[in-house]
Amino acid sequence: MNQEGAPSREMNYQIRLRGHLAPRWASWFEGMAIELQDNGDTVLAGPVADQAALHGLLRKVRDLGLPLISLVCMENGH
């Protein structure tokens, strides 16, 4: 539920990390696309069900030990 009492809706996020994730980690970030950038960064992008799921993703990022560069909530369709 959001602050107005309406059901929360899924939002798309882009999470940028410093360093490359090995392909074996893809299943750990279910539903997220993993793109390895030429500059050495990794971008995770995709739908996140709610704030609790977002916090779960951020805990996984922390547990990997890769520095978090940015977290962006993408507008629908962008």
PDB file of N, CA and C in Angstrom:
ATOM      1  N   MET A   1       0.830  -1.174   0.000  1.00  0.00           N
ATOM      2  CA  MET A   1       0.000   0.000   0.000  1.00  0.00           C
ATOM      3  C   MET A   1       0.881   1.246   0.000  1.00  0.00           C
ATOM      4  N   ASN A   2       0.479   2.235  -0.747  1.00  0.00           N
ATOM      5  CA  ASN A   2       1.216   3.490  -0.725  1.00  0.00           C
ATOM      6  C   ASN A   2       0.655   4.392   0.361  1.00  0.00           C
ATOM      7  N   GLN A   3       1.149   5.614   0.454  1.00  0.00           N
ATOM      8  CA  GLN A   3       0.734   6.522   1.522  1.00  0.00           C
ATOM      9  C   GLN A   3      -0.751   6.869   1.454  1.00  0.00           C
ATOM     10  N   GLU A   4      -1.338   6.817   0.275  1.00  0.00           N
ATOM     11  CA  GLU A   4      -2.753   7.135   0.124  1.00  0.00           C
ATOM     12  C   GLU A   4      -3.642   5.923   0.377  1.00  0.00           C
ATOM     13  N   GLY A   5      -3.066   4.764   0.670  1.00  0.00           N
ATOM     14  CA  GLY A   5      -3.827   3.561   0.937  1.00  0.00           C
ATOM     15  C   GLY A   5      -4.129   2.732  -0.306  1.00  0.00           C
ATOM     16  N   ALA A   6      -3.639   3.160  -1.475  1.00  0.00           N
ATOM     17  CA  ALA A   6      -3.840   2.401  -2.711  1.00  0.00           C
ATOM     18  C   ALA A   6      -2.774   1.312  -2.812  1.00  0.00           C
ATOM     19  N   PRO A   7      -3.076   0.223  -3.507  1.00  0.00           N
ATOM     20  CA  PRO A   7      -2.053  -0.825  -3.677  1.00  0.00           C
ATOM     21  C   PRO A   7      -0.818  -0.268  -4.382  1.00  0.00           C
ATOM     22  N   SER A   8       0.356  -0.705  -3.930  1.00  0.00           N
ATOM     23  CA  SER A   8       1.599  -0.292  -4.574  1.00  0.00           C
ATOM     24  C   SER A   8       1.673  -0.920  -5.953  1.00  0.00           C
ATOM     25  N   ARG A   9       2.295  -0.210  -6.898  1.00  0.00           N
ATOM     26  CA  ARG A   9       2.441  -0.786  -8.229  1.00  0.00           C
ATOM     27  C   ARG A   9       3.917  -1.029  -8.511  1.00  0.00           C
ATOM     28  N   GLU A  10       4.137  -1.979  -9.370  1.00  0.00           N
ATOM     29  CA  GLU A  10       5.486  -2.335  -9.765  1.00  0.00           C
ATOM     30  C   GLU A  10       6.139  -1.155 -10.479  1.00  0.00           C
ATOM     31  N   MET A  11       7.396  -0.907 -10.153  1.00  0.00           N
ATOM     32  CA  MET A  11       8.157   0.166 -10.783  1.00  0.00           C
ATOM     33  C   MET A  11       9.411  -0.442 -11.402  1.00  0.00           C
ATOM     34  N   ASN A  12       9.934   0.218 -12.415  1.00  0.00           N
ATOM     35  CA  ASN A  12      11.180  -0.212 -13.047  1.00  0.00           C
ATOM     36  C   ASN A  12      12.338   0.581 -12.466  1.00  0.00           C
ATOM     37  N   TYR A  13      13.416  -0.127 -12.148  1.00  0.00           N
ATOM     38  CA  TYR A  13      14.603   0.496 -11.578  1.00  0.00           C
ATOM     39  C   TYR A  13      15.824   0.147 -12.395  1.00  0.00           C
ATOM     40  N   GLN A  14      16.814   1.031 -12.306  1.00  0.00           N
ATOM     41  CA  GLN A  14      18.132   0.792 -12.883  1.00  0.00           C
ATOM     42  C   GLN A  14      19.137   0.967 -11.750  1.00  0.00           C
ATOM     43  N   ILE A  15      19.908  -0.080 -11.498  1.00  0.00           N
ATOM     44  CA  ILE A  15      20.914  -0.073 -10.436  1.00  0.00           C
ATOM     45  C   ILE A  15      22.278  -0.217 -11.096  1.00  0.00           C
ATOM     46  N   ARG A  16      23.147   0.758 -10.878  1.00  0.00           N
ATOM     47  CA  ARG A  16      24.492   0.738 -11.478  1.00  0.00           C
ATOM     48  C   ARG A  16      25.506   0.414 -10.380  1.00  0.00           C
ATOM     49  N   LEU A  17      26.357  -0.588 -10.674  1.00  0.00           N
ATOM     50  CA  LEU A  17      27.384  -1.054  -9.740  1.00  0.00           C
ATOM     51  C   LEU A  17      28.756  -0.910 -10.362  1.00  0.00           C
ATOM     52  N   ARG A  18      29.759  -0.658  -9.548  1.00  0.00           N
ATOM     53  CA  ARG A  18      31.137  -0.623 -10.028  1.00  0.00           C
ATOM     54  C   ARG A  18      31.673  -2.043  -9.996  1.00  0.00           C
ATOM     55  N   GLY A  19      32.113  -2.524 -11.145  1.00  0.00           N
ATOM     56  CA  GLY A  19      32.624  -3.889 -11.273  1.00  0.00           C
ATOM     57  C   GLY A  19      31.661  -4.738 -12.078  1.00  0.00           C
ATOM     58  N   HIS A  20      32.162  -5.836 -12.600  1.00  0.00           N
ATOM     59  CA  HIS A  20      31.341  -6.745 -13.397  1.00  0.00           C
ATOM     60  C   HIS A  20      30.877  -7.921 -12.555  1.00  0.00           C
ATOM     61  N   LEU A  21      29.590  -8.252 -12.692  1.00  0.00           N
ATOM     62  CA  LEU A  21      29.039  -9.448 -12.067  1.00  0.00           C
ATOM     63  C   LEU A  21      29.303 -10.641 -12.979  1.00  0.00           C
ATOM     64  N   ALA A  22      29.686 -11.738 -12.407  1.00  0.00           N
ATOM     65  CA  ALA A  22      29.831 -12.971 -13.175  1.00  0.00           C
ATOM     66  C   ALA A  22      28.438 -13.455 -13.578  1.00  0.00           C
ATOM     67  N   PRO A  23      28.322 -14.124 -14.720  1.00  0.00           N
ATOM     68  CA  PRO A  23      27.013 -14.598 -15.182  1.00  0.00           C
ATOM     69  C   PRO A  23      26.282 -15.481 -14.166  1.00  0.00           C
ATOM     70  N   ARG A  24      26.995 -16.152 -13.300  1.00  0.00           N
ATOM     71  CA  ARG A  24      26.351 -17.049 -12.324  1.00  0.00           C
ATOM     72  C   ARG A  24      25.423 -16.310 -11.361  1.00  0.00           C
ATOM     73  N   TRP A  25      25.564 -14.992 -11.238  1.00  0.00           N
ATOM     74  CA  TRP A  25      24.731 -14.213 -10.325  1.00  0.00           C
ATOM     75  C   TRP A  25      23.374 -13.839 -10.922  1.00  0.00           C
ATOM     76  N   ALA A  26      23.155 -14.090 -12.206  1.00  0.00           N
ATOM     77  CA  ALA A  26      21.902 -13.682 -12.867  1.00  0.00           C
ATOM     78  C   ALA A  26      20.667 -14.230 -12.153  1.00  0.00           C
ATOM     79  N   SER A  27      20.706 -15.473 -11.723  1.00  0.00           N
ATOM     80  CA  SER A  27      19.528 -16.060 -11.064  1.00  0.00           C
ATOM     81  C   SER A  27      19.247 -15.412  -9.703  1.00  0.00           C
ATOM     82  N   TRP A  28      20.258 -14.848  -9.069  1.00  0.00           N
ATOM     83  CA  TRP A  28      20.088 -14.202  -7.768  1.00  0.00           C
ATOM     84  C   TRP A  28      19.278 -12.913  -7.900  1.00  0.00           C
ATOM     85  N   PHE A  29      19.360 -12.279  -9.058  1.00  0.00           N
ATOM     86  CA  PHE A  29      18.631 -11.037  -9.326  1.00  0.00           C
ATOM     87  C   PHE A  29      17.479 -11.326 -10.279  1.00  0.00           C
ATOM     88  N   GLU A  30      16.637 -12.284  -9.903  1.00  0.00           N
ATOM     89  CA  GLU A  30      15.541 -12.742 -10.748  1.00  0.00           C
ATOM     90  C   GLU A  30      14.713 -11.575 -11.296  1.00  0.00           C
ATOM     91  N   GLY A  31      14.447 -11.642 -12.588  1.00  0.00           N
ATOM     92  CA  GLY A  31      13.644 -10.605 -13.221  1.00  0.00           C
ATOM     93  C   GLY A  31      14.405  -9.365 -13.644  1.00  0.00           C
ATOM     94  N   MET A  32      15.666  -9.261 -13.266  1.00  0.00           N
ATOM     95  CA  MET A  32      16.463  -8.088 -13.618  1.00  0.00           C
ATOM     96  C   MET A  32      17.399  -8.444 -14.776  1.00  0.00           C
ATOM     97  N   ALA A  33      17.454  -7.562 -15.756  1.00  0.00           N
ATOM     98  CA  ALA A  33      18.428  -7.718 -16.833  1.00  0.00           C
ATOM     99  C   ALA A  33      19.788  -7.267 -16.316  1.00  0.00           C
ATOM    100  N   ILE A  34      20.828  -7.986 -16.666  1.00  0.00           N
ATOM    101  CA  ILE A  34      22.185  -7.638 -16.246  1.00  0.00           C
ATOM    102  C   ILE A  34      22.980  -7.278 -17.484  1.00  0.00           C
ATOM    103  N   GLU A  35      23.485  -6.052 -17.505  1.00  0.00           N
ATOM    104  CA  GLU A  35      24.279  -5.578 -18.638  1.00  0.00           C
ATOM    105  C   GLU A  35      25.659  -5.166 -18.148  1.00  0.00           C
ATOM    106  N   LEU A  36      26.690  -5.776 -18.709  1.00  0.00           N
ATOM    107  CA  LEU A  36      28.065  -5.426 -18.371  1.00  0.00           C
ATOM    108  C   LEU A  36      28.511  -4.298 -19.298  1.00  0.00           C
ATOM    109  N   GLN A  37      28.934  -3.184 -18.720  1.00  0.00           N
ATOM    110  CA  GLN A  37      29.332  -2.007 -19.474  1.00  0.00           C
ATOM    111  C   GLN A  37      30.820  -2.066 -19.814  1.00  0.00           C
ATOM    112  N   ASP A  38      31.205  -1.421 -20.907  1.00  0.00           N
ATOM    113  CA  ASP A  38      32.615  -1.384 -21.316  1.00  0.00           C
ATOM    114  C   ASP A  38      33.511  -0.699 -20.295  1.00  0.00           C
ATOM    115  N   ASN A  39      32.943   0.202 -19.494  1.00  0.00           N
ATOM    116  CA  ASN A  39      33.737   0.933 -18.505  1.00  0.00           C
ATOM    117  C   ASN A  39      33.956   0.142 -17.209  1.00  0.00           C
ATOM    118  N   GLY A  40      33.487  -1.099 -17.173  1.00  0.00           N
ATOM    119  CA  GLY A  40      33.685  -1.936 -15.992  1.00  0.00           C
ATOM    120  C   GLY A  40      32.508  -1.972 -15.051  1.00  0.00           C
ATOM    121  N   ASP A  41      31.460  -1.199 -15.329  1.00  0.00           N
ATOM    122  CA  ASP A  41      30.277  -1.183 -14.477  1.00  0.00           C
ATOM    123  C   ASP A  41      29.312  -2.289 -14.887  1.00  0.00           C
ATOM    124  N   THR A  42      28.400  -2.615 -13.979  1.00  0.00           N
ATOM    125  CA  THR A  42      27.279  -3.515 -14.250  1.00  0.00           C
ATOM    126  C   THR A  42      26.003  -2.726 -14.033  1.00  0.00           C
ATOM    127  N   VAL A  43      25.043  -2.890 -14.939  1.00  0.00           N
ATOM    128  CA  VAL A  43      23.737  -2.256 -14.787  1.00  0.00           C
ATOM    129  C   VAL A  43      22.700  -3.360 -14.644  1.00  0.00           C
ATOM    130  N   LEU A  44      21.953  -3.305 -13.542  1.00  0.00           N
ATOM    131  CA  LEU A  44      20.803  -4.175 -13.324  1.00  0.00           C
ATOM    132  C   LEU A  44      19.578  -3.338 -13.648  1.00  0.00           C
ATOM    133  N   ALA A  45      18.667  -3.859 -14.441  1.00  0.00           N
ATOM    134  CA  ALA A  45      17.479  -3.091 -14.799  1.00  0.00           C
ATOM    135  C   ALA A  45      16.274  -4.015 -14.889  1.00  0.00           C
ATOM    136  N   GLY A  46      15.143  -3.503 -14.393  1.00  0.00           N
ATOM    137  CA  GLY A  46      13.925  -4.281 -14.511  1.00  0.00           C
ATOM    138  C   GLY A  46      12.904  -3.916 -13.477  1.00  0.00           C
ATOM    139  N   PRO A  47      11.811  -4.660 -13.456  1.00  0.00           N
ATOM    140  CA  PRO A  47      10.712  -4.371 -12.547  1.00  0.00           C
ATOM    141  C   PRO A  47      11.018  -4.799 -11.114  1.00  0.00           C
ATOM    142  N   VAL A  48      10.528  -3.996 -10.186  1.00  0.00           N
ATOM    143  CA  VAL A  48      10.629  -4.296  -8.762  1.00  0.00           C
ATOM    144  C   VAL A  48       9.219  -4.144  -8.187  1.00  0.00           C
ATOM    145  N   ALA A  49       8.747  -5.172  -7.506  1.00  0.00           N
ATOM    146  CA  ALA A  49       7.357  -5.231  -7.068  1.00  0.00           C
ATOM    147  C   ALA A  49       6.968  -4.106  -6.108  1.00  0.00           C
ATOM    148  N   ASP A  50       7.839  -3.802  -5.145  1.00  0.00           N
ATOM    149  CA  ASP A  50       7.498  -2.809  -4.138  1.00  0.00           C
ATOM    150  C   ASP A  50       8.765  -2.394  -3.383  1.00  0.00           C
ATOM    151  N   GLN A  51       8.605  -1.546  -2.386  1.00  0.00           N
ATOM    152  CA  GLN A  51       9.759  -1.053  -1.630  1.00  0.00           C
ATOM    153  C   GLN A  51      10.473  -2.167  -0.872  1.00  0.00           C
ATOM    154  N   ALA A  52       9.731  -3.139  -0.365  1.00  0.00           N
ATOM    155  CA  ALA A  52      10.363  -4.257   0.344  1.00  0.00           C
ATOM    156  C   ALA A  52      11.262  -5.046  -0.612  1.00  0.00           C
ATOM    157  N   ALA A  53      10.792  -5.268  -1.845  1.00  0.00           N
ATOM    158  CA  ALA A  53      11.605  -5.976  -2.838  1.00  0.00           C
ATOM    159  C   ALA A  53      12.836  -5.155  -3.216  1.00  0.00           C
ATOM    160  N   LEU A  54      12.687  -3.842  -3.305  1.00  0.00           N
ATOM    161  CA  LEU A  54      13.824  -2.971  -3.607  1.00  0.00           C
ATOM    162  C   LEU A  54      14.876  -3.066  -2.509  1.00  0.00           C
ATOM    163  N   HIS A  55      14.448  -3.029  -1.269  1.00  0.00           N
ATOM    164  CA  HIS A  55      15.392  -3.154  -0.154  1.00  0.00           C
ATOM    165  C   HIS A  55      16.082  -4.517  -0.180  1.00  0.00           C
ATOM    166  N   GLY A  56      15.362  -5.565  -0.587  1.00  0.00           N
ATOM    167  CA  GLY A  56      15.970  -6.886  -0.726  1.00  0.00           C
ATOM    168  C   GLY A  56      17.058  -6.898  -1.786  1.00  0.00           C
ATOM    169  N   LEU A  57      16.800  -6.227  -2.916  1.00  0.00           N
ATOM    170  CA  LEU A  57      17.818  -6.126  -3.968  1.00  0.00           C
ATOM    171  C   LEU A  57      19.048  -5.379  -3.466  1.00  0.00           C
ATOM    172  N   LEU A  58      18.823  -4.302  -2.737  1.00  0.00           N
ATOM    173  CA  LEU A  58      19.954  -3.520  -2.219  1.00  0.00           C
ATOM    174  C   LEU A  58      20.760  -4.314  -1.195  1.00  0.00           C
ATOM    175  N   ARG A  59      20.103  -5.168  -0.421  1.00  0.00           N
ATOM    176  CA  ARG A  59      20.844  -6.046   0.503  1.00  0.00           C
ATOM    177  C   ARG A  59      21.729  -7.014  -0.283  1.00  0.00           C
ATOM    178  N   LYS A  60      21.212  -7.524  -1.399  1.00  0.00           N
ATOM    179  CA  LYS A  60      22.012  -8.429  -2.235  1.00  0.00           C
ATOM    180  C   LYS A  60      23.229  -7.710  -2.810  1.00  0.00           C
ATOM    181  N   VAL A  61      23.019  -6.474  -3.251  1.00  0.00           N
ATOM    182  CA  VAL A  61      24.143  -5.668  -3.761  1.00  0.00           C
ATOM    183  C   VAL A  61      25.188  -5.497  -2.661  1.00  0.00           C
ATOM    184  N   ARG A  62      24.731  -5.154  -1.464  1.00  0.00           N
ATOM    185  CA  ARG A  62      25.649  -4.992  -0.325  1.00  0.00           C
ATOM    186  C   ARG A  62      26.417  -6.282  -0.058  1.00  0.00           C
ATOM    187  N   ASP A  63      25.704  -7.403  -0.078  1.00  0.00           N
ATOM    188  CA  ASP A  63      26.340  -8.688   0.222  1.00  0.00           C
ATOM    189  C   ASP A  63      27.393  -9.083  -0.815  1.00  0.00           C
ATOM    190  N   LEU A  64      27.235  -8.612  -2.055  1.00  0.00           N
ATOM    191  CA  LEU A  64      28.237  -8.883  -3.091  1.00  0.00           C
ATOM    192  C   LEU A  64      29.497  -8.052  -2.896  1.00  0.00           C
ATOM    193  N   GLY A  65      29.370  -6.927  -2.214  1.00  0.00           N
ATOM    194  CA  GLY A  65      30.530  -6.078  -1.976  1.00  0.00           C
ATOM    195  C   GLY A  65      30.895  -5.175  -3.140  1.00  0.00           C
ATOM    196  N   LEU A  66      30.019  -5.089  -4.154  1.00  0.00           N
ATOM    197  CA  LEU A  66      30.284  -4.182  -5.272  1.00  0.00           C
ATOM    198  C   LEU A  66      29.763  -2.790  -4.921  1.00  0.00           C
ATOM    199  N   PRO A  67      30.555  -1.755  -5.152  1.00  0.00           N
ATOM    200  CA  PRO A  67      30.100  -0.396  -4.831  1.00  0.00           C
ATOM    201  C   PRO A  67      28.871  -0.007  -5.657  1.00  0.00           C
ATOM    202  N   LEU A  68      27.880   0.564  -4.972  1.00  0.00           N
ATOM    203  CA  LEU A  68      26.679   1.080  -5.613  1.00  0.00           C
ATOM    204  C   LEU A  68      26.986   2.466  -6.157  1.00  0.00           C
ATOM    205  N   ILE A  69      26.808   2.653  -7.463  1.00  0.00           N
ATOM    206  CA  ILE A  69      27.057   3.948  -8.088  1.00  0.00           C
ATOM    207  C   ILE A  69      25.776   4.767  -8.128  1.00  0.00           C
ATOM    208  N   SER A  70      24.677   4.125  -8.565  1.00  0.00           N
ATOM    209  CA  SER A  70      23.420   4.865  -8.637  1.00  0.00           C
ATOM    210  C   SER A  70      22.233   3.925  -8.599  1.00  0.00           C
ATOM    211  N   LEU A  71      21.089   4.482  -8.205  1.00  0.00           N
ATOM    212  CA  LEU A  71      19.818   3.809  -8.209  1.00  0.00           C
ATOM    213  C   LEU A  71      18.813   4.794  -8.794  1.00  0.00           C
ATOM    214  N   VAL A  72      18.170   4.407  -9.892  1.00  0.00           N
ATOM    215  CA  VAL A  72      17.256   5.311 -10.572  1.00  0.00           C
ATOM    216  C   VAL A  72      15.917   4.609 -10.770  1.00  0.00           C
ATOM    217  N   CYS A  73      14.843   5.278 -10.359  1.00  0.00           N
ATOM    218  CA  CYS A  73      13.498   4.808 -10.643  1.00  0.00           C
ATOM    219  C   CYS A  73      13.144   5.319 -12.029  1.00  0.00           C
ATOM    220  N   MET A  74      12.889   4.394 -12.938  1.00  0.00           N
ATOM    221  CA  MET A  74      12.602   4.771 -14.319  1.00  0.00           C
ATOM    222  C   MET A  74      11.105   4.991 -14.482  1.00  0.00           C
ATOM    223  N   GLU A  75      10.724   6.051 -15.154  1.00  0.00           N
ATOM    224  CA  GLU A  75       9.326   6.293 -15.460  1.00  0.00           C
ATOM    225  C   GLU A  75       8.845   5.205 -16.398  1.00  0.00           C
ATOM    226  N   ASN A  76       7.585   4.814 -16.295  1.00  0.00           N
ATOM    227  CA  ASN A  76       7.043   3.798 -17.191  1.00  0.00           C
ATOM    228  C   ASN A  76       7.251   4.202 -18.638  1.00  0.00           C
ATOM    229  N   GLY A  77       7.767   3.276 -19.424  1.00  0.00           N
ATOM    230  CA  GLY A  77       8.000   3.532 -20.842  1.00  0.00           C
ATOM    231  C   GLY A  77       9.327   4.181 -21.144  1.00  0.00           C
ATOM    232  N   HIS A  78      10.167   4.464 -20.148  1.00  0.00           N
ATOM    233  CA  HIS A  78      11.469   5.108 -20.374  1.00  0.00           C
ATOM    234  C   HIS A  78      12.582   4.222 -19.863  1.00  0.00           C
TER     235      HIS A  78
END
